[in-house]
Amino acid sequence: MFSTVAALAGPDRVLEASRTIVAWASGFVSMELAGAFRLGGDVDAAFEYGVERIAEAIASPGHSAHASEPVAD
């Protein structure tokens, strides 16, 4: 997984990006197993949508700096 995430996020953000993906997927699966998706629609399509959006966000340039780091003007 790290090599795939590193290709998207870069080596400097692979740990943070991996944690984000695992946390999202864990929450999604937990909700599905608990029967929390009762509004209708295609749950598989929703999962795919989420994966695509997270991958786009992780791969996008211009990741914000950590909150403790000063931001250049």
PDB file of N, CA and C in Angstrom:
ATOM      1  N   MET A   1       0.824  -1.189   0.000  1.00  0.00           N
ATOM      2  CA  MET A   1       0.000   0.000   0.000  1.00  0.00           C
ATOM      3  C   MET A   1       0.868   1.252   0.000  1.00  0.00           C
ATOM      4  N   PHE A   2       1.957   1.224   0.783  1.00  0.00           N
ATOM      5  CA  PHE A   2       2.801   2.418   0.861  1.00  0.00           C
ATOM      6  C   PHE A   2       3.329   2.848  -0.507  1.00  0.00           C
ATOM      7  N   SER A   3       3.687   1.892  -1.356  1.00  0.00           N
ATOM      8  CA  SER A   3       4.235   2.278  -2.656  1.00  0.00           C
ATOM      9  C   SER A   3       3.175   2.954  -3.519  1.00  0.00           C
ATOM     10  N   THR A   4       1.944   2.484  -3.454  1.00  0.00           N
ATOM     11  CA  THR A   4       0.859   3.111  -4.213  1.00  0.00           C
ATOM     12  C   THR A   4       0.568   4.504  -3.674  1.00  0.00           C
ATOM     13  N   VAL A   5       0.487   4.619  -2.365  1.00  0.00           N
ATOM     14  CA  VAL A   5       0.208   5.921  -1.746  1.00  0.00           C
ATOM     15  C   VAL A   5       1.379   6.870  -1.964  1.00  0.00           C
ATOM     16  N   ALA A   6       2.600   6.381  -1.891  1.00  0.00           N
ATOM     17  CA  ALA A   6       3.769   7.225  -2.131  1.00  0.00           C
ATOM     18  C   ALA A   6       3.756   7.782  -3.546  1.00  0.00           C
ATOM     19  N   ALA A   7       3.283   6.981  -4.498  1.00  0.00           N
ATOM     20  CA  ALA A   7       3.200   7.456  -5.881  1.00  0.00           C
ATOM     21  C   ALA A   7       2.198   8.603  -6.011  1.00  0.00           C
ATOM     22  N   LEU A   8       1.172   8.595  -5.181  1.00  0.00           N
ATOM     23  CA  LEU A   8       0.175   9.679  -5.203  1.00  0.00           C
ATOM     24  C   LEU A   8       0.609  10.881  -4.381  1.00  0.00           C
ATOM     25  N   ALA A   9       1.042  10.621  -3.151  1.00  0.00           N
ATOM     26  CA  ALA A   9       1.301  11.702  -2.200  1.00  0.00           C
ATOM     27  C   ALA A   9       2.741  12.180  -2.194  1.00  0.00           C
ATOM     28  N   GLY A  10       3.652  11.337  -2.631  1.00  0.00           N
ATOM     29  CA  GLY A  10       5.062  11.653  -2.531  1.00  0.00           C
ATOM     30  C   GLY A  10       5.629  11.052  -1.259  1.00  0.00           C
ATOM     31  N   PRO A  11       6.922  10.827  -1.230  1.00  0.00           N
ATOM     32  CA  PRO A  11       7.550  10.143  -0.092  1.00  0.00           C
ATOM     33  C   PRO A  11       7.469  10.916   1.220  1.00  0.00           C
ATOM     34  N   ASP A  12       7.345  12.235   1.143  1.00  0.00           N
ATOM     35  CA  ASP A  12       7.291  13.036   2.372  1.00  0.00           C
ATOM     36  C   ASP A  12       5.942  12.980   3.071  1.00  0.00           C
ATOM     37  N   ARG A  13       4.898  12.545   2.374  1.00  0.00           N
ATOM     38  CA  ARG A  13       3.539  12.527   2.947  1.00  0.00           C
ATOM     39  C   ARG A  13       2.904  11.144   2.931  1.00  0.00           C
ATOM     40  N   VAL A  14       3.699  10.100   2.679  1.00  0.00           N
ATOM     41  CA  VAL A  14       3.138   8.757   2.547  1.00  0.00           C
ATOM     42  C   VAL A  14       2.479   8.277   3.838  1.00  0.00           C
ATOM     43  N   LEU A  15       3.049   8.542   4.985  1.00  0.00           N
ATOM     44  CA  LEU A  15       2.465   8.074   6.242  1.00  0.00           C
ATOM     45  C   LEU A  15       1.136   8.766   6.515  1.00  0.00           C
ATOM     46  N   GLU A  16       1.109  10.093   6.384  1.00  0.00           N
ATOM     47  CA  GLU A  16      -0.136  10.830   6.617  1.00  0.00           C
ATOM     48  C   GLU A  16      -1.227  10.401   5.638  1.00  0.00           C
ATOM     49  N   ALA A  17      -0.854  10.249   4.369  1.00  0.00           N
ATOM     50  CA  ALA A  17      -1.824   9.855   3.349  1.00  0.00           C
ATOM     51  C   ALA A  17      -2.336   8.436   3.608  1.00  0.00           C
ATOM     52  N   SER A  18      -1.452   7.531   3.995  1.00  0.00           N
ATOM     53  CA  SER A  18      -1.863   6.152   4.285  1.00  0.00           C
ATOM     54  C   SER A  18      -2.818   6.109   5.465  1.00  0.00           C
ATOM     55  N   ARG A  19      -2.534   6.875   6.493  1.00  0.00           N
ATOM     56  CA  ARG A  19      -3.431   6.921   7.655  1.00  0.00           C
ATOM     57  C   ARG A  19      -4.798   7.468   7.272  1.00  0.00           C
ATOM     58  N   THR A  20      -4.826   8.454   6.414  1.00  0.00           N
ATOM     59  CA  THR A  20      -6.090   9.018   5.954  1.00  0.00           C
ATOM     60  C   THR A  20      -6.912   7.971   5.222  1.00  0.00           C
ATOM     61  N   ILE A  21      -6.274   7.242   4.325  1.00  0.00           N
ATOM     62  CA  ILE A  21      -6.973   6.219   3.541  1.00  0.00           C
ATOM     63  C   ILE A  21      -7.489   5.105   4.449  1.00  0.00           C
ATOM     64  N   VAL A  22      -6.651   4.628   5.345  1.00  0.00           N
ATOM     65  CA  VAL A  22      -7.058   3.536   6.234  1.00  0.00           C
ATOM     66  C   VAL A  22      -8.200   3.979   7.140  1.00  0.00           C
ATOM     67  N   ALA A  23      -8.124   5.188   7.668  1.00  0.00           N
ATOM     68  CA  ALA A  23      -9.191   5.684   8.550  1.00  0.00           C
ATOM     69  C   ALA A  23     -10.511   5.803   7.791  1.00  0.00           C
ATOM     70  N   TRP A  24     -10.479   6.351   6.587  1.00  0.00           N
ATOM     71  CA  TRP A  24     -11.705   6.490   5.799  1.00  0.00           C
ATOM     72  C   TRP A  24     -12.287   5.120   5.464  1.00  0.00           C
ATOM     73  N   ALA A  25     -11.446   4.216   4.962  1.00  0.00           N
ATOM     74  CA  ALA A  25     -11.932   2.888   4.573  1.00  0.00           C
ATOM     75  C   ALA A  25     -12.483   2.126   5.773  1.00  0.00           C
ATOM     76  N   SER A  26     -11.814   2.226   6.899  1.00  0.00           N
ATOM     77  CA  SER A  26     -12.276   1.554   8.108  1.00  0.00           C
ATOM     78  C   SER A  26     -13.648   2.075   8.528  1.00  0.00           C
ATOM     79  N   GLY A  27     -13.814   3.378   8.495  1.00  0.00           N
ATOM     80  CA  GLY A  27     -15.106   3.965   8.839  1.00  0.00           C
ATOM     81  C   GLY A  27     -16.197   3.550   7.874  1.00  0.00           C
ATOM     82  N   PHE A  28     -15.893   3.543   6.593  1.00  0.00           N
ATOM     83  CA  PHE A  28     -16.876   3.167   5.578  1.00  0.00           C
ATOM     84  C   PHE A  28     -17.309   1.717   5.780  1.00  0.00           C
ATOM     85  N   VAL A  29     -16.344   0.824   5.944  1.00  0.00           N
ATOM     86  CA  VAL A  29     -16.653  -0.594   6.118  1.00  0.00           C
ATOM     87  C   VAL A  29     -17.425  -0.814   7.421  1.00  0.00           C
ATOM     88  N   SER A  30     -17.037  -0.139   8.492  1.00  0.00           N
ATOM     89  CA  SER A  30     -17.749  -0.270   9.764  1.00  0.00           C
ATOM     90  C   SER A  30     -19.204   0.152   9.623  1.00  0.00           C
ATOM     91  N   MET A  31     -19.421   1.248   8.917  1.00  0.00           N
ATOM     92  CA  MET A  31     -20.795   1.717   8.702  1.00  0.00           C
ATOM     93  C   MET A  31     -21.579   0.716   7.859  1.00  0.00           C
ATOM     94  N   GLU A  32     -20.957   0.174   6.835  1.00  0.00           N
ATOM     95  CA  GLU A  32     -21.651  -0.800   5.987  1.00  0.00           C
ATOM     96  C   GLU A  32     -22.019  -2.048   6.786  1.00  0.00           C
ATOM     97  N   LEU A  33     -21.099  -2.562   7.575  1.00  0.00           N
ATOM     98  CA  LEU A  33     -21.367  -3.752   8.377  1.00  0.00           C
ATOM     99  C   LEU A  33     -22.448  -3.510   9.426  1.00  0.00           C
ATOM    100  N   ALA A  34     -22.554  -2.275   9.900  1.00  0.00           N
ATOM    101  CA  ALA A  34     -23.563  -1.926  10.901  1.00  0.00           C
ATOM    102  C   ALA A  34     -24.919  -1.618  10.276  1.00  0.00           C
ATOM    103  N   GLY A  35     -24.992  -1.650   8.953  1.00  0.00           N
ATOM    104  CA  GLY A  35     -26.253  -1.354   8.283  1.00  0.00           C
ATOM    105  C   GLY A  35     -26.607   0.113   8.286  1.00  0.00           C
ATOM    106  N   ALA A  36     -25.599   0.968   8.327  1.00  0.00           N
ATOM    107  CA  ALA A  36     -25.836   2.410   8.434  1.00  0.00           C
ATOM    108  C   ALA A  36     -26.146   3.089   7.101  1.00  0.00           C
ATOM    109  N   PHE A  37     -26.037   2.380   6.003  1.00  0.00           N
ATOM    110  CA  PHE A  37     -26.317   2.975   4.687  1.00  0.00           C
ATOM    111  C   PHE A  37     -27.708   2.553   4.227  1.00  0.00           C
ATOM    112  N   ARG A  38     -28.715   3.175   4.811  1.00  0.00           N
ATOM    113  CA  ARG A  38     -30.103   2.799   4.521  1.00  0.00           C
ATOM    114  C   ARG A  38     -30.843   3.832   3.687  1.00  0.00           C
ATOM    115  N   LEU A  39     -30.138   4.776   3.124  1.00  0.00           N
ATOM    116  CA  LEU A  39     -30.792   5.828   2.349  1.00  0.00           C
ATOM    117  C   LEU A  39     -31.004   5.427   0.898  1.00  0.00           C
ATOM    118  N   GLY A  40     -30.603   4.238   0.550  1.00  0.00           N
ATOM    119  CA  GLY A  40     -30.721   3.790  -0.836  1.00  0.00           C
ATOM    120  C   GLY A  40     -29.453   4.118  -1.598  1.00  0.00           C
ATOM    121  N   GLY A  41     -29.510   3.925  -2.880  1.00  0.00           N
ATOM    122  CA  GLY A  41     -28.338   4.171  -3.705  1.00  0.00           C
ATOM    123  C   GLY A  41     -27.399   2.979  -3.701  1.00  0.00           C
ATOM    124  N   ASP A  42     -26.386   3.075  -4.499  1.00  0.00           N
ATOM    125  CA  ASP A  42     -25.419   1.998  -4.700  1.00  0.00           C
ATOM    126  C   ASP A  42     -24.230   2.213  -3.764  1.00  0.00           C
ATOM    127  N   VAL A  43     -24.118   1.382  -2.750  1.00  0.00           N
ATOM    128  CA  VAL A  43     -23.034   1.522  -1.768  1.00  0.00           C
ATOM    129  C   VAL A  43     -21.677   1.291  -2.425  1.00  0.00           C
ATOM    130  N   ASP A  44     -21.599   0.354  -3.355  1.00  0.00           N
ATOM    131  CA  ASP A  44     -20.333   0.124  -4.058  1.00  0.00           C
ATOM    132  C   ASP A  44     -19.914   1.352  -4.855  1.00  0.00           C
ATOM    133  N   ALA A  45     -20.880   2.010  -5.487  1.00  0.00           N
ATOM    134  CA  ALA A  45     -20.579   3.237  -6.234  1.00  0.00           C
ATOM    135  C   ALA A  45     -20.126   4.338  -5.277  1.00  0.00           C
ATOM    136  N   ALA A  46     -20.726   4.398  -4.103  1.00  0.00           N
ATOM    137  CA  ALA A  46     -20.327   5.394  -3.103  1.00  0.00           C
ATOM    138  C   ALA A  46     -18.900   5.146  -2.627  1.00  0.00           C
ATOM    139  N   PHE A  47     -18.553   3.880  -2.426  1.00  0.00           N
ATOM    140  CA  PHE A  47     -17.192   3.541  -2.009  1.00  0.00           C
ATOM    141  C   PHE A  47     -16.205   3.947  -3.094  1.00  0.00           C
ATOM    142  N   GLU A  48     -16.526   3.602  -4.342  1.00  0.00           N
ATOM    143  CA  GLU A  48     -15.650   3.970  -5.461  1.00  0.00           C
ATOM    144  C   GLU A  48     -15.498   5.486  -5.568  1.00  0.00           C
ATOM    145  N   TYR A  49     -16.589   6.216  -5.396  1.00  0.00           N
ATOM    146  CA  TYR A  49     -16.550   7.676  -5.418  1.00  0.00           C
ATOM    147  C   TYR A  49     -15.602   8.188  -4.331  1.00  0.00           C
ATOM    148  N   GLY A  50     -15.720   7.647  -3.135  1.00  0.00           N
ATOM    149  CA  GLY A  50     -14.851   8.067  -2.042  1.00  0.00           C
ATOM    150  C   GLY A  50     -13.386   7.792  -2.314  1.00  0.00           C
ATOM    151  N   VAL A  51     -13.098   6.617  -2.837  1.00  0.00           N
ATOM    152  CA  VAL A  51     -11.712   6.262  -3.179  1.00  0.00           C
ATOM    153  C   VAL A  51     -11.159   7.239  -4.215  1.00  0.00           C
ATOM    154  N   GLU A  52     -11.960   7.529  -5.232  1.00  0.00           N
ATOM    155  CA  GLU A  52     -11.515   8.451  -6.285  1.00  0.00           C
ATOM    156  C   GLU A  52     -11.266   9.847  -5.721  1.00  0.00           C
ATOM    157  N   ARG A  53     -12.162  10.353  -4.884  1.00  0.00           N
ATOM    158  CA  ARG A  53     -11.989  11.696  -4.326  1.00  0.00           C
ATOM    159  C   ARG A  53     -10.775  11.772  -3.416  1.00  0.00           C
ATOM    160  N   ILE A  54     -10.573  10.768  -2.578  1.00  0.00           N
ATOM    161  CA  ILE A  54      -9.421  10.773  -1.676  1.00  0.00           C
ATOM    162  C   ILE A  54      -8.129  10.682  -2.478  1.00  0.00           C
ATOM    163  N   ALA A  55      -8.102   9.825  -3.486  1.00  0.00           N
ATOM    164  CA  ALA A  55      -6.903   9.706  -4.327  1.00  0.00           C
ATOM    165  C   ALA A  55      -6.593  11.032  -5.014  1.00  0.00           C
ATOM    166  N   GLU A  56      -7.623  11.714  -5.518  1.00  0.00           N
ATOM    167  CA  GLU A  56      -7.411  13.027  -6.149  1.00  0.00           C
ATOM    168  C   GLU A  56      -6.855  14.035  -5.148  1.00  0.00           C
ATOM    169  N   ALA A  57      -7.417  14.043  -3.954  1.00  0.00           N
ATOM    170  CA  ALA A  57      -6.965  14.999  -2.932  1.00  0.00           C
ATOM    171  C   ALA A  57      -5.521  14.735  -2.522  1.00  0.00           C
ATOM    172  N   ILE A  58      -5.189  13.475  -2.343  1.00  0.00           N
ATOM    173  CA  ILE A  58      -3.828  13.130  -1.934  1.00  0.00           C
ATOM    174  C   ILE A  58      -2.826  13.437  -3.041  1.00  0.00           C
ATOM    175  N   ALA A  59      -3.239  13.243  -4.277  1.00  0.00           N
ATOM    176  CA  ALA A  59      -2.339  13.459  -5.406  1.00  0.00           C
ATOM    177  C   ALA A  59      -2.234  14.919  -5.822  1.00  0.00           C
ATOM    178  N   SER A  60      -3.144  15.755  -5.339  1.00  0.00           N
ATOM    179  CA  SER A  60      -3.142  17.149  -5.786  1.00  0.00           C
ATOM    180  C   SER A  60      -1.924  17.901  -5.261  1.00  0.00           C
ATOM    181  N   PRO A  61      -1.353  18.744  -6.097  1.00  0.00           N
ATOM    182  CA  PRO A  61      -0.211  19.552  -5.644  1.00  0.00           C
ATOM    183  C   PRO A  61      -0.678  20.622  -4.672  1.00  0.00           C
ATOM    184  N   GLY A  62       0.251  21.168  -3.952  1.00  0.00           N
ATOM    185  CA  GLY A  62      -0.083  22.273  -3.053  1.00  0.00           C
ATOM    186  C   GLY A  62      -0.666  21.826  -1.743  1.00  0.00           C
ATOM    187  N   HIS A  63      -0.195  20.678  -1.238  1.00  0.00           N
ATOM    188  CA  HIS A  63      -0.634  20.265   0.084  1.00  0.00           C
ATOM    189  C   HIS A  63      -0.324  21.384   1.058  1.00  0.00           C
ATOM    190  N   SER A  64      -1.249  21.647   1.969  1.00  0.00           N
ATOM    191  CA  SER A  64      -1.025  22.721   2.932  1.00  0.00           C
ATOM    192  C   SER A  64       0.057  22.304   3.925  1.00  0.00           C
ATOM    193  N   ALA A  65       0.739  23.276   4.442  1.00  0.00           N
ATOM    194  CA  ALA A  65       1.786  23.029   5.428  1.00  0.00           C
ATOM    195  C   ALA A  65       1.137  22.629   6.746  1.00  0.00           C
ATOM    196  N   HIS A  66       1.908  21.993   7.602  1.00  0.00           N
ATOM    197  CA  HIS A  66       1.404  21.688   8.934  1.00  0.00           C
ATOM    198  C   HIS A  66       1.018  23.000   9.616  1.00  0.00           C
ATOM    199  N   ALA A  67       0.023  22.957  10.463  1.00  0.00           N
ATOM    200  CA  ALA A  67      -0.476  24.168  11.122  1.00  0.00           C
ATOM    201  C   ALA A  67       0.604  24.873  11.934  1.00  0.00           C
ATOM    202  N   SER A  68       1.581  24.115  12.434  1.00  0.00           N
ATOM    203  CA  SER A  68       2.629  24.736  13.255  1.00  0.00           C
ATOM    204  C   SER A  68       3.707  25.415  12.419  1.00  0.00           C
ATOM    205  N   GLU A  69       3.721  25.168  11.121  1.00  0.00           N
ATOM    206  CA  GLU A  69       4.727  25.775  10.270  1.00  0.00           C
ATOM    207  C   GLU A  69       4.235  27.129   9.778  1.00  0.00           C
ATOM    208  N   PRO A  70       5.099  28.131   9.752  1.00  0.00           N
ATOM    209  CA  PRO A  70       4.672  29.448   9.252  1.00  0.00           C
ATOM    210  C   PRO A  70       4.365  29.391   7.758  1.00  0.00           C
ATOM    211  N   VAL A  71       3.395  30.147   7.359  1.00  0.00           N
ATOM    212  CA  VAL A  71       3.008  30.218   5.952  1.00  0.00           C
ATOM    213  C   VAL A  71       3.623  31.465   5.338  1.00  0.00           C
ATOM    214  N   ALA A  72       4.270  31.304   4.195  1.00  0.00           N
ATOM    215  CA  ALA A  72       4.906  32.451   3.510  1.00  0.00           C
ATOM    216  C   ALA A  72       3.853  33.384   2.969  1.00  0.00           C
ATOM    217  N   ASP A  73       4.152  34.676   2.961  1.00  0.00           N
ATOM    218  CA  ASP A  73       3.220  35.663   2.412  1.00  0.00           C
ATOM    219  C   ASP A  73       3.296  35.704   0.908  1.00  0.00           C
TER     220      ASP A  73
END
